[in-house]
Amino acid sequence: MGSKIRLGSDEIKFMTLFESLTGATVVDCVKEENTLGFLVKKGDMGRAIGKQGANIEKVRQSVGRSVLIVEEGDNQQEFMKKLFEPVRLHKIQFKENDGEKNAVIEVDKKDRRKVLGSEGMRIKIARQLARRHHMIDDIVVHVV
């Protein structure tokens, strides 16, 4: 859907490991400092997490990093919701300005930290995945 994605040997290695440990199909993998973000095929989220989080825990221990899993969405709107699940987004808007496409999301004040993630990792990974799969240049978070 997005532009051609180039994966490095590290990302390919992590994707292969993730798939072998969970049985879920990985569409993309992004690295951000000590966190890995995996985009899994629609319908594979349960398999990726495993019973009571067993699969995700196996992946975390194997890679020695934090792991974030996102499920594919059919369109930009659904993809935005899935990027931040289980947080409820009040509003999602897409705005184009000077050739840049931004997603503007509104969240409750109490959910702001969940959306940003520890040290901002979740939002950084979300921005990379949104850029790579839906040509969204930035995600702007508004607190309501």
N, C-alpha and C. Protein backbone atom coordinates (compact mmCIF):
# COMPACT_ATOMS: atom_id res chain seq x y z
N MET A 1 0.83 -1.19 0.00
CA MET A 1 0.00 0.00 0.00
C MET A 1 0.87 1.25 0.00
N GLY A 2 1.86 1.28 0.91
CA GLY A 2 2.76 2.43 0.99
C GLY A 2 3.87 2.32 -0.01
N SER A 3 4.94 3.07 0.23
CA SER A 3 6.08 3.01 -0.67
C SER A 3 6.82 1.71 -0.43
N LYS A 4 7.76 1.41 -1.30
CA LYS A 4 8.55 0.18 -1.18
C LYS A 4 9.29 0.20 0.16
N ILE A 5 9.14 -0.86 0.91
CA ILE A 5 9.76 -0.94 2.23
C ILE A 5 11.06 -1.71 2.14
N ARG A 6 12.12 -1.10 2.64
CA ARG A 6 13.41 -1.79 2.66
C ARG A 6 13.68 -2.25 4.09
N LEU A 7 13.90 -3.54 4.21
CA LEU A 7 14.18 -4.10 5.52
C LEU A 7 15.65 -4.49 5.60
N GLY A 8 16.26 -4.18 6.73
CA GLY A 8 17.64 -4.56 6.96
C GLY A 8 17.72 -6.00 7.45
N SER A 9 18.92 -6.54 7.53
CA SER A 9 19.07 -7.94 7.97
C SER A 9 18.56 -8.13 9.39
N ASP A 10 18.72 -7.12 10.25
CA ASP A 10 18.21 -7.22 11.62
C ASP A 10 16.69 -7.40 11.63
N GLU A 11 16.00 -6.54 10.85
CA GLU A 11 14.53 -6.60 10.82
C GLU A 11 14.06 -7.95 10.28
N ILE A 12 14.72 -8.43 9.24
CA ILE A 12 14.34 -9.73 8.66
C ILE A 12 14.55 -10.84 9.68
N LYS A 13 15.66 -10.77 10.41
CA LYS A 13 15.96 -11.76 11.45
C LYS A 13 14.88 -11.72 12.54
N PHE A 14 14.50 -10.52 12.98
CA PHE A 14 13.47 -10.38 14.01
C PHE A 14 12.11 -10.89 13.52
N MET A 15 11.78 -10.60 12.25
CA MET A 15 10.50 -11.04 11.68
C MET A 15 10.44 -12.57 11.64
N THR A 16 11.53 -13.18 11.20
CA THR A 16 11.59 -14.64 11.11
C THR A 16 11.44 -15.26 12.50
N LEU A 17 12.15 -14.69 13.48
CA LEU A 17 12.08 -15.18 14.85
C LEU A 17 10.65 -15.05 15.39
N PHE A 18 10.04 -13.89 15.18
CA PHE A 18 8.68 -13.63 15.65
C PHE A 18 7.71 -14.66 15.06
N GLU A 19 7.81 -14.87 13.74
CA GLU A 19 6.91 -15.81 13.08
C GLU A 19 7.12 -17.23 13.60
N SER A 20 8.38 -17.62 13.84
CA SER A 20 8.63 -18.99 14.31
C SER A 20 8.15 -19.18 15.75
N LEU A 21 8.21 -18.13 16.57
CA LEU A 21 7.77 -18.24 17.96
C LEU A 21 6.25 -18.14 18.13
N THR A 22 5.58 -17.39 17.23
CA THR A 22 4.15 -17.12 17.42
C THR A 22 3.24 -17.80 16.41
N GLY A 23 3.74 -18.07 15.22
CA GLY A 23 2.89 -18.60 14.15
C GLY A 23 2.11 -17.51 13.44
N ALA A 24 2.29 -16.27 13.84
CA ALA A 24 1.60 -15.14 13.19
C ALA A 24 2.43 -14.67 12.00
N THR A 25 1.77 -14.12 10.99
CA THR A 25 2.46 -13.60 9.81
C THR A 25 2.81 -12.13 10.05
N VAL A 26 4.10 -11.81 9.91
CA VAL A 26 4.57 -10.44 10.10
C VAL A 26 4.66 -9.74 8.75
N VAL A 27 4.06 -8.56 8.67
CA VAL A 27 4.06 -7.76 7.45
C VAL A 27 5.24 -6.79 7.45
N ASP A 28 5.60 -6.28 8.64
CA ASP A 28 6.66 -5.28 8.74
C ASP A 28 7.22 -5.30 10.16
N CYS A 29 8.45 -4.79 10.27
CA CYS A 29 9.10 -4.69 11.57
C CYS A 29 9.89 -3.38 11.59
N VAL A 30 9.74 -2.61 12.65
CA VAL A 30 10.51 -1.38 12.80
C VAL A 30 11.22 -1.40 14.14
N LYS A 31 12.42 -0.85 14.15
CA LYS A 31 13.23 -0.76 15.36
C LYS A 31 13.29 0.68 15.80
N GLU A 32 13.09 0.90 17.08
CA GLU A 32 13.21 2.24 17.64
C GLU A 32 13.91 2.07 18.98
N GLU A 33 15.19 2.41 19.03
CA GLU A 33 16.00 2.25 20.23
C GLU A 33 15.87 0.82 20.77
N ASN A 34 15.32 0.65 22.00
CA ASN A 34 15.26 -0.69 22.56
C ASN A 34 13.89 -1.35 22.39
N THR A 35 13.13 -0.89 21.41
CA THR A 35 11.78 -1.42 21.18
C THR A 35 11.63 -1.87 19.73
N LEU A 36 10.94 -2.99 19.56
CA LEU A 36 10.62 -3.49 18.22
C LEU A 36 9.12 -3.39 18.01
N GLY A 37 8.73 -2.89 16.86
CA GLY A 37 7.32 -2.83 16.49
C GLY A 37 7.06 -3.82 15.37
N PHE A 38 6.10 -4.70 15.55
CA PHE A 38 5.74 -5.67 14.53
C PHE A 38 4.34 -5.39 14.02
N LEU A 39 4.20 -5.35 12.71
CA LEU A 39 2.88 -5.22 12.08
C LEU A 39 2.51 -6.61 11.61
N VAL A 40 1.41 -7.15 12.18
CA VAL A 40 1.00 -8.50 11.82
C VAL A 40 -0.21 -8.46 10.89
N LYS A 41 -0.34 -9.54 10.12
CA LYS A 41 -1.42 -9.67 9.16
C LYS A 41 -2.76 -9.59 9.89
N LYS A 42 -3.73 -8.96 9.24
CA LYS A 42 -5.07 -8.85 9.82
C LYS A 42 -5.58 -10.25 10.18
N GLY A 43 -6.08 -10.38 11.41
CA GLY A 43 -6.59 -11.66 11.88
C GLY A 43 -5.57 -12.47 12.67
N ASP A 44 -4.30 -12.01 12.69
CA ASP A 44 -3.24 -12.77 13.38
C ASP A 44 -2.88 -12.21 14.76
N MET A 45 -3.62 -11.21 15.23
CA MET A 45 -3.27 -10.58 16.50
C MET A 45 -3.33 -11.57 17.67
N GLY A 46 -4.39 -12.36 17.74
CA GLY A 46 -4.53 -13.34 18.82
C GLY A 46 -3.40 -14.34 18.82
N ARG A 47 -3.04 -14.81 17.64
CA ARG A 47 -1.94 -15.77 17.50
C ARG A 47 -0.62 -15.12 17.94
N ALA A 48 -0.43 -13.86 17.58
CA ALA A 48 0.81 -13.14 17.93
C ALA A 48 0.95 -12.99 19.44
N ILE A 49 -0.15 -12.67 20.11
CA ILE A 49 -0.11 -12.47 21.56
C ILE A 49 -0.02 -13.81 22.29
N GLY A 50 -0.81 -14.78 21.85
CA GLY A 50 -0.80 -16.10 22.48
C GLY A 50 -1.67 -16.12 23.73
N LYS A 51 -1.87 -17.32 24.23
CA LYS A 51 -2.70 -17.52 25.42
C LYS A 51 -2.09 -16.78 26.60
N GLN A 52 -2.86 -15.86 27.17
CA GLN A 52 -2.41 -15.04 28.31
C GLN A 52 -1.06 -14.36 28.05
N GLY A 53 -0.84 -13.98 26.78
CA GLY A 53 0.39 -13.24 26.44
C GLY A 53 1.64 -14.08 26.35
N ALA A 54 1.49 -15.40 26.28
CA ALA A 54 2.65 -16.30 26.28
C ALA A 54 3.58 -16.07 25.09
N ASN A 55 3.00 -15.89 23.89
CA ASN A 55 3.84 -15.73 22.70
C ASN A 55 4.62 -14.42 22.72
N ILE A 56 3.94 -13.36 23.09
CA ILE A 56 4.61 -12.05 23.14
C ILE A 56 5.74 -12.08 24.17
N GLU A 57 5.52 -12.79 25.25
CA GLU A 57 6.56 -12.90 26.28
C GLU A 57 7.77 -13.67 25.76
N LYS A 58 7.51 -14.74 24.99
CA LYS A 58 8.62 -15.51 24.38
C LYS A 58 9.44 -14.62 23.46
N VAL A 59 8.74 -13.79 22.68
CA VAL A 59 9.43 -12.89 21.75
C VAL A 59 10.27 -11.89 22.54
N ARG A 60 9.67 -11.27 23.57
CA ARG A 60 10.39 -10.28 24.40
C ARG A 60 11.67 -10.88 24.96
N GLN A 61 11.57 -12.09 25.51
CA GLN A 61 12.74 -12.72 26.12
C GLN A 61 13.79 -13.08 25.07
N SER A 62 13.35 -13.52 23.90
CA SER A 62 14.29 -13.90 22.85
C SER A 62 15.06 -12.71 22.28
N VAL A 63 14.37 -11.57 22.14
CA VAL A 63 15.03 -10.40 21.54
C VAL A 63 15.62 -9.46 22.59
N GLY A 64 15.22 -9.62 23.85
CA GLY A 64 15.74 -8.77 24.91
C GLY A 64 15.36 -7.31 24.77
N ARG A 65 14.19 -7.07 24.20
CA ARG A 65 13.70 -5.71 23.99
C ARG A 65 12.21 -5.65 24.27
N SER A 66 11.70 -4.43 24.39
CA SER A 66 10.25 -4.25 24.46
C SER A 66 9.68 -4.56 23.08
N VAL A 67 8.45 -5.04 23.06
CA VAL A 67 7.82 -5.41 21.79
C VAL A 67 6.44 -4.79 21.72
N LEU A 68 6.13 -4.21 20.57
CA LEU A 68 4.81 -3.64 20.32
C LEU A 68 4.25 -4.35 19.10
N ILE A 69 3.01 -4.83 19.21
CA ILE A 69 2.39 -5.52 18.08
C ILE A 69 1.18 -4.71 17.63
N VAL A 70 1.08 -4.53 16.32
CA VAL A 70 -0.04 -3.81 15.71
C VAL A 70 -0.60 -4.70 14.62
N GLU A 71 -1.92 -4.73 14.51
CA GLU A 71 -2.57 -5.50 13.46
C GLU A 71 -2.89 -4.59 12.28
N GLU A 72 -2.78 -5.12 11.07
CA GLU A 72 -3.11 -4.36 9.87
C GLU A 72 -4.55 -3.89 9.91
N GLY A 73 -4.80 -2.77 9.26
CA GLY A 73 -6.16 -2.26 9.10
C GLY A 73 -6.48 -2.18 7.62
N ASP A 74 -7.76 -2.22 7.28
CA ASP A 74 -8.16 -2.19 5.87
C ASP A 74 -7.99 -0.81 5.24
N ASN A 75 -8.04 0.24 6.08
CA ASN A 75 -7.93 1.59 5.55
C ASN A 75 -7.22 2.46 6.60
N GLN A 76 -6.98 3.71 6.27
CA GLN A 76 -6.24 4.60 7.17
C GLN A 76 -6.94 4.77 8.51
N GLN A 77 -8.25 4.91 8.49
CA GLN A 77 -9.04 5.11 9.71
C GLN A 77 -8.88 3.91 10.64
N GLU A 78 -9.09 2.71 10.10
CA GLU A 78 -8.98 1.49 10.89
C GLU A 78 -7.55 1.28 11.38
N PHE A 79 -6.59 1.59 10.51
CA PHE A 79 -5.18 1.43 10.87
C PHE A 79 -4.82 2.32 12.06
N MET A 80 -5.30 3.56 12.05
CA MET A 80 -5.04 4.48 13.17
C MET A 80 -5.59 3.90 14.47
N LYS A 81 -6.80 3.38 14.43
CA LYS A 81 -7.41 2.78 15.63
C LYS A 81 -6.56 1.63 16.15
N LYS A 82 -6.11 0.78 15.22
CA LYS A 82 -5.33 -0.40 15.61
C LYS A 82 -3.95 -0.02 16.14
N LEU A 83 -3.38 1.07 15.66
CA LEU A 83 -2.06 1.51 16.14
C LEU A 83 -2.07 1.78 17.64
N PHE A 84 -3.21 2.24 18.14
CA PHE A 84 -3.25 2.68 19.54
C PHE A 84 -4.16 1.84 20.42
N GLU A 85 -4.68 0.71 19.90
CA GLU A 85 -5.52 -0.15 20.75
C GLU A 85 -4.75 -0.53 21.99
N PRO A 86 -5.39 -0.62 23.14
CA PRO A 86 -6.83 -0.55 23.40
C PRO A 86 -7.34 0.87 23.71
N VAL A 87 -6.53 1.88 23.51
CA VAL A 87 -6.95 3.26 23.77
C VAL A 87 -8.05 3.64 22.78
N ARG A 88 -9.10 4.29 23.29
CA ARG A 88 -10.20 4.75 22.44
C ARG A 88 -9.85 6.14 21.90
N LEU A 89 -9.83 6.25 20.59
CA LEU A 89 -9.58 7.54 19.95
C LEU A 89 -10.93 8.22 19.75
N HIS A 90 -11.06 9.46 20.25
CA HIS A 90 -12.32 10.19 20.11
C HIS A 90 -12.57 10.62 18.68
N LYS A 91 -11.50 11.03 18.03
CA LYS A 91 -11.64 11.57 16.68
C LYS A 91 -10.35 11.28 15.92
N ILE A 92 -10.51 10.95 14.65
CA ILE A 92 -9.35 10.77 13.76
C ILE A 92 -9.64 11.60 12.51
N GLN A 93 -8.72 12.52 12.22
CA GLN A 93 -8.87 13.34 11.02
C GLN A 93 -7.59 13.25 10.21
N PHE A 94 -7.72 13.36 8.92
CA PHE A 94 -6.55 13.38 8.04
C PHE A 94 -6.52 14.74 7.37
N LYS A 95 -5.37 15.40 7.48
CA LYS A 95 -5.24 16.74 6.93
C LYS A 95 -4.02 16.79 6.02
N GLU A 96 -4.20 17.44 4.88
CA GLU A 96 -3.06 17.62 3.97
C GLU A 96 -2.69 19.09 3.96
N ASN A 97 -1.38 19.34 4.07
CA ASN A 97 -0.88 20.69 4.10
C ASN A 97 0.48 20.70 3.42
N ASP A 98 0.63 21.49 2.38
CA ASP A 98 1.89 21.58 1.64
C ASP A 98 2.42 20.20 1.23
N GLY A 99 1.52 19.35 0.76
CA GLY A 99 1.93 18.03 0.28
C GLY A 99 2.22 17.02 1.38
N GLU A 100 2.04 17.42 2.64
CA GLU A 100 2.24 16.49 3.75
C GLU A 100 0.88 16.04 4.26
N LYS A 101 0.79 14.74 4.54
CA LYS A 101 -0.46 14.21 5.07
C LYS A 101 -0.26 13.88 6.54
N ASN A 102 -1.11 14.47 7.38
CA ASN A 102 -1.03 14.24 8.82
C ASN A 102 -2.32 13.61 9.31
N ALA A 103 -2.16 12.75 10.31
CA ALA A 103 -3.32 12.20 11.01
C ALA A 103 -3.38 12.93 12.34
N VAL A 104 -4.55 13.47 12.65
CA VAL A 104 -4.75 14.15 13.92
C VAL A 104 -5.71 13.29 14.74
N ILE A 105 -5.22 12.85 15.91
CA ILE A 105 -6.06 12.00 16.76
C ILE A 105 -6.36 12.71 18.07
N GLU A 106 -7.56 12.47 18.59
CA GLU A 106 -7.95 13.04 19.88
C GLU A 106 -8.12 11.91 20.88
N VAL A 107 -7.49 12.08 22.05
CA VAL A 107 -7.58 11.07 23.10
C VAL A 107 -7.88 11.74 24.44
N ASP A 108 -8.43 10.95 25.37
CA ASP A 108 -8.64 11.44 26.73
C ASP A 108 -7.30 11.75 27.37
N LYS A 109 -7.33 12.74 28.25
CA LYS A 109 -6.11 13.11 28.97
C LYS A 109 -5.50 11.90 29.69
N LYS A 110 -6.36 11.05 30.26
CA LYS A 110 -5.87 9.88 31.01
C LYS A 110 -5.17 8.86 30.10
N ASP A 111 -5.43 8.91 28.78
CA ASP A 111 -4.83 7.94 27.85
C ASP A 111 -3.58 8.47 27.14
N ARG A 112 -3.23 9.71 27.39
CA ARG A 112 -2.10 10.33 26.68
C ARG A 112 -0.81 9.51 26.81
N ARG A 113 -0.50 9.09 28.04
CA ARG A 113 0.74 8.33 28.26
C ARG A 113 0.73 6.99 27.52
N LYS A 114 -0.44 6.36 27.45
CA LYS A 114 -0.55 5.08 26.73
C LYS A 114 -0.30 5.28 25.24
N VAL A 115 -0.81 6.38 24.69
CA VAL A 115 -0.64 6.67 23.27
C VAL A 115 0.83 6.95 22.95
N LEU A 116 1.48 7.69 23.81
CA LEU A 116 2.89 8.03 23.57
C LEU A 116 3.81 6.84 23.86
N GLY A 117 3.47 6.08 24.88
CA GLY A 117 4.29 4.93 25.26
C GLY A 117 5.48 5.34 26.09
N SER A 118 6.15 4.35 26.63
CA SER A 118 7.32 4.59 27.46
C SER A 118 8.40 5.30 26.64
N GLU A 119 8.84 6.44 27.12
CA GLU A 119 9.84 7.28 26.43
C GLU A 119 9.44 7.62 24.99
N GLY A 120 8.13 7.66 24.73
CA GLY A 120 7.65 8.05 23.40
C GLY A 120 7.81 6.98 22.34
N MET A 121 8.13 5.75 22.74
CA MET A 121 8.40 4.69 21.77
C MET A 121 7.17 4.32 20.95
N ARG A 122 6.00 4.25 21.59
CA ARG A 122 4.81 3.82 20.85
C ARG A 122 4.47 4.79 19.73
N ILE A 123 4.51 6.08 20.01
CA ILE A 123 4.17 7.05 18.98
C ILE A 123 5.23 7.06 17.87
N LYS A 124 6.50 6.85 18.23
CA LYS A 124 7.56 6.80 17.21
C LYS A 124 7.36 5.62 16.27
N ILE A 125 7.04 4.46 16.84
CA ILE A 125 6.81 3.27 16.02
C ILE A 125 5.54 3.46 15.18
N ALA A 126 4.49 4.02 15.79
CA ALA A 126 3.24 4.27 15.07
C ALA A 126 3.49 5.18 13.87
N ARG A 127 4.30 6.22 14.07
CA ARG A 127 4.60 7.15 12.96
C ARG A 127 5.33 6.44 11.83
N GLN A 128 6.29 5.59 12.17
CA GLN A 128 7.03 4.86 11.13
C GLN A 128 6.10 3.94 10.34
N LEU A 129 5.26 3.20 11.06
CA LEU A 129 4.36 2.27 10.38
C LEU A 129 3.33 3.02 9.52
N ALA A 130 2.81 4.13 10.04
CA ALA A 130 1.83 4.93 9.29
C ALA A 130 2.46 5.48 8.01
N ARG A 131 3.72 5.90 8.11
CA ARG A 131 4.43 6.44 6.95
C ARG A 131 4.65 5.34 5.92
N ARG A 132 5.08 4.19 6.38
CA ARG A 132 5.43 3.10 5.48
C ARG A 132 4.23 2.43 4.83
N HIS A 133 3.09 2.40 5.52
CA HIS A 133 1.95 1.64 5.00
C HIS A 133 0.79 2.49 4.52
N HIS A 134 0.73 3.76 4.93
CA HIS A 134 -0.39 4.61 4.52
C HIS A 134 0.05 6.00 4.08
N MET A 135 1.35 6.18 3.87
CA MET A 135 1.89 7.46 3.43
C MET A 135 1.41 8.64 4.27
N ILE A 136 1.34 8.42 5.58
CA ILE A 136 0.99 9.48 6.53
C ILE A 136 2.29 10.01 7.11
N ASP A 137 2.55 11.29 6.90
CA ASP A 137 3.83 11.88 7.31
C ASP A 137 4.00 12.04 8.81
N ASP A 138 2.90 12.32 9.50
CA ASP A 138 3.00 12.54 10.93
C ASP A 138 1.68 12.22 11.61
N ILE A 139 1.77 11.90 12.90
CA ILE A 139 0.57 11.70 13.72
C ILE A 139 0.64 12.75 14.83
N VAL A 140 -0.40 13.58 14.87
CA VAL A 140 -0.48 14.65 15.87
C VAL A 140 -1.50 14.22 16.92
N VAL A 141 -1.10 14.29 18.19
CA VAL A 141 -1.98 13.87 19.28
C VAL A 141 -2.55 15.09 19.99
N HIS A 142 -3.87 15.17 20.04
CA HIS A 142 -4.56 16.21 20.79
C HIS A 142 -5.22 15.56 22.00
N VAL A 143 -5.08 16.20 23.16
CA VAL A 143 -5.68 15.69 24.37
C VAL A 143 -6.97 16.46 24.64
N VAL A 144 -8.05 15.71 24.95
CA VAL A 144 -9.34 16.37 25.23
C VAL A 144 -9.80 16.04 26.65
